Protein backbone atom coordinates (compact mmCIF):
# COMPACT_ATOMS: atom_id res chain seq x y z
CA UNK A 1 -84.85 112.02 -94.04
CA UNK A 2 -82.70 110.48 -91.35
CA UNK A 3 -83.68 107.28 -89.57
CA UNK A 4 -81.82 105.87 -86.59
CA UNK A 5 -82.40 102.32 -85.39
CA UNK A 6 -81.28 101.53 -81.84
CA UNK A 7 -80.50 98.16 -80.36
CA UNK A 8 -80.27 98.62 -76.61
CA UNK A 9 -78.93 95.81 -74.48
CA UNK A 10 -79.21 95.42 -70.70
CA UNK A 11 -76.83 97.24 -68.45
CA UNK A 12 -77.29 100.69 -69.86
CA UNK A 13 -79.02 103.30 -67.65
CA UNK A 14 -82.71 103.93 -68.09
CA UNK A 15 -83.17 106.69 -70.67
CA UNK A 16 -84.91 107.24 -74.01
CA UNK A 17 -82.04 105.86 -76.08
CA UNK A 18 -84.01 106.07 -79.34
CA UNK A 19 -84.59 109.79 -78.92
CA UNK A 20 -81.03 110.43 -77.69
CA UNK A 21 -79.51 108.57 -80.66
CA UNK A 22 -81.82 110.25 -83.18
CA UNK A 23 -80.98 113.71 -81.83
CA UNK A 24 -77.22 112.97 -81.77
CA UNK A 25 -77.09 111.65 -85.34
CA UNK A 26 -79.22 114.50 -86.70
CA UNK A 27 -77.14 117.10 -84.87
CA UNK A 28 -73.92 115.72 -86.34
CA UNK A 29 -75.34 115.61 -89.86
CA UNK A 30 -76.76 119.12 -89.53
CA UNK A 31 -73.30 120.40 -88.61
CA UNK A 32 -71.64 118.71 -91.55
CA UNK A 33 -71.55 119.46 -95.27
CA UNK A 34 -74.40 116.87 -95.54
CA UNK A 35 -77.06 118.91 -93.70
CA UNK A 36 -79.32 118.60 -96.74
CA UNK A 37 -79.78 114.89 -95.89
CA UNK A 38 -82.28 115.91 -93.17
CA UNK A 39 -84.73 117.30 -95.74
CA UNK A 40 -83.81 114.99 -98.66
CA UNK A 41 -86.38 112.55 -100.09
CA UNK A 42 -83.87 109.72 -99.72
CA UNK A 43 -83.82 107.85 -96.41
CA UNK A 44 -80.43 107.91 -94.65
CA UNK A 45 -80.12 105.09 -92.15
CA UNK A 46 -77.83 104.72 -89.15
CA UNK A 47 -77.87 101.83 -86.70
CA UNK A 48 -76.72 102.40 -83.13
CA UNK A 49 -75.97 99.41 -80.87
CA UNK A 50 -75.56 99.93 -77.14
CA UNK A 51 -73.80 96.78 -75.98
CA UNK A 52 -71.30 95.26 -73.59
CA UNK A 53 -67.58 95.85 -73.31
CA UNK A 54 -67.08 92.21 -74.24
CA UNK A 55 -68.83 92.57 -77.59
CA UNK A 56 -66.97 95.78 -78.43
CA UNK A 57 -63.71 94.06 -77.39
CA UNK A 58 -64.44 91.26 -79.89
CA UNK A 59 -65.25 93.74 -82.66
CA UNK A 60 -62.20 95.88 -81.90
CA UNK A 61 -59.96 92.77 -82.07
CA UNK A 62 -61.60 91.47 -85.28
CA UNK A 63 -61.71 94.75 -87.22
CA UNK A 64 -58.93 96.86 -85.76
CA UNK A 65 -56.46 94.29 -84.37
CA UNK A 66 -56.74 95.92 -80.95
CA UNK A 67 -57.21 93.42 -78.14
CA UNK A 68 -59.26 95.59 -75.76
CA UNK A 69 -62.63 97.26 -75.59
CA UNK A 70 -62.98 100.87 -76.70
CA UNK A 71 -65.76 103.41 -76.15
CA UNK A 72 -67.16 103.55 -79.68
CA UNK A 73 -66.68 101.83 -83.03
CA UNK A 74 -68.03 103.04 -86.34
CA UNK A 75 -68.63 100.89 -89.39
CA UNK A 76 -69.28 103.09 -92.47
CA UNK A 77 -71.26 101.45 -95.26
CA UNK A 78 -70.69 104.10 -97.94
CA UNK A 79 -67.06 103.94 -99.01
CA UNK A 80 -67.18 106.20 -102.06
CA UNK A 81 -68.11 109.87 -102.20
CA UNK A 82 -71.21 110.19 -100.05
CA UNK A 83 -72.98 112.63 -102.35
CA UNK A 84 -72.32 110.39 -105.35
CA UNK A 85 -73.60 107.36 -103.49
CA UNK A 86 -76.84 109.10 -102.62
CA UNK A 87 -77.43 110.17 -106.19
CA UNK A 88 -77.08 106.56 -107.38
CA UNK A 89 -79.46 104.89 -104.95
CA UNK A 90 -82.22 102.99 -106.73
CA UNK A 91 -84.54 102.46 -103.77
CA UNK A 92 -84.23 105.86 -102.08
CA UNK A 93 -82.37 104.39 -99.06
CA UNK A 94 -78.75 104.97 -98.12
CA UNK A 95 -77.28 102.99 -95.23
CA UNK A 96 -74.65 105.25 -93.70
CA UNK A 97 -73.44 102.56 -91.30
CA UNK A 98 -73.34 101.27 -87.73
CA UNK A 99 -72.16 102.79 -84.47
CA UNK A 100 -71.43 100.50 -81.50
CA UNK A 101 -70.93 101.75 -77.91
CA UNK A 102 -69.46 99.81 -74.97
CA UNK A 103 -71.48 100.24 -71.77
CA UNK A 104 -68.71 99.79 -69.19
CA UNK A 105 -66.18 101.95 -71.01
CA UNK A 106 -68.78 104.66 -71.59
CA UNK A 107 -69.88 104.64 -67.97
CA UNK A 108 -66.31 104.73 -66.65
CA UNK A 109 -65.37 107.64 -68.94
CA UNK A 110 -68.54 109.56 -67.98
CA UNK A 111 -67.73 109.09 -64.27
CA UNK A 112 -64.16 110.24 -64.85
CA UNK A 113 -65.42 113.36 -66.65
CA UNK A 114 -68.12 113.99 -64.06
CA UNK A 115 -70.93 113.88 -66.64
CA UNK A 116 -73.96 111.65 -67.21
CA UNK A 117 -73.69 108.47 -69.20
CA UNK A 118 -76.37 109.89 -71.49
CA UNK A 119 -74.35 113.02 -72.26
CA UNK A 120 -71.20 110.99 -72.88
CA UNK A 121 -73.07 108.49 -75.07
CA UNK A 122 -74.49 111.44 -77.03
CA UNK A 123 -70.93 112.66 -77.64
CA UNK A 124 -69.82 109.17 -78.75
CA UNK A 125 -72.77 108.85 -81.16
CA UNK A 126 -71.99 112.28 -82.61
CA UNK A 127 -68.32 111.24 -82.92
CA UNK A 128 -69.32 107.96 -84.58
CA UNK A 129 -71.66 109.72 -86.98
CA UNK A 130 -68.81 111.93 -88.20
CA UNK A 131 -66.79 108.79 -88.88
CA UNK A 132 -69.72 107.45 -90.93
CA UNK A 133 -69.64 110.70 -92.91
CA UNK A 134 -65.96 110.19 -93.73
CA UNK A 135 -64.27 112.20 -91.03
CA UNK A 136 -61.17 110.95 -89.23
CA UNK A 137 -58.69 112.13 -86.64
CA UNK A 138 -55.42 110.55 -87.67
CA UNK A 139 -53.73 113.87 -88.45
CA UNK A 140 -53.75 116.86 -86.11
CA UNK A 141 -55.60 119.11 -88.54
CA UNK A 142 -58.25 116.42 -89.15
CA UNK A 143 -58.66 115.92 -85.40
CA UNK A 144 -59.12 119.63 -84.77
CA UNK A 145 -61.68 119.96 -87.55
CA UNK A 146 -63.61 116.91 -86.34
CA UNK A 147 -63.54 118.04 -82.70
CA UNK A 148 -64.82 121.49 -83.71
CA UNK A 149 -67.76 119.93 -85.57
CA UNK A 150 -68.48 117.60 -82.65
CA UNK A 151 -68.45 120.52 -80.23
CA UNK A 152 -70.84 122.54 -82.44
CA UNK A 153 -73.17 119.55 -82.64
CA UNK A 154 -73.12 118.95 -78.89
CA UNK A 155 -73.62 122.63 -78.02
CA UNK A 156 -76.70 122.63 -80.27
CA UNK A 157 -78.02 119.83 -78.00
CA UNK A 158 -77.19 121.72 -74.82
CA UNK A 159 -74.07 119.66 -74.01
CA UNK A 160 -70.80 121.36 -73.11
CA UNK A 161 -67.63 121.12 -75.18
CA UNK A 162 -66.12 117.74 -74.31
CA UNK A 163 -62.65 118.87 -75.37
CA UNK A 164 -62.43 121.91 -73.10
CA UNK A 165 -63.01 125.60 -73.65
CA UNK A 166 -62.76 126.86 -77.20
């Protein structure tokens, strides 16, 4: 089972952020090698924080040595092999990690792309979830694989390919 906790701060548009985040996380997991998590007896937890650019700026500086806000940050909690970690849980709960989105950056990027903040935030939560699952985009091949999984996840939610036509 997958549980998503959402902390929603002021400034974000009015939408059902809990439902949006739940759908985005589940879609990403269902399009990954970890799709079985959705039906597993263990509880897989993800926290999503919708916050200010200032808070994301502070986190980006503290954890990535980058002195600016960014659209999304992911903080994976499971460092080892994810399947091994889930087999060794003693309480049936696995905290996958935290995803943090910056309101102003997200809104500006959505406006630039001509899409809704909700659709862009969905993409960022999907992207962040793949980071929690161990995906990265440092190498070209990794980036292409991750983008393809993101696109599949988003299309399953009725959102167009954010990277262009495939």
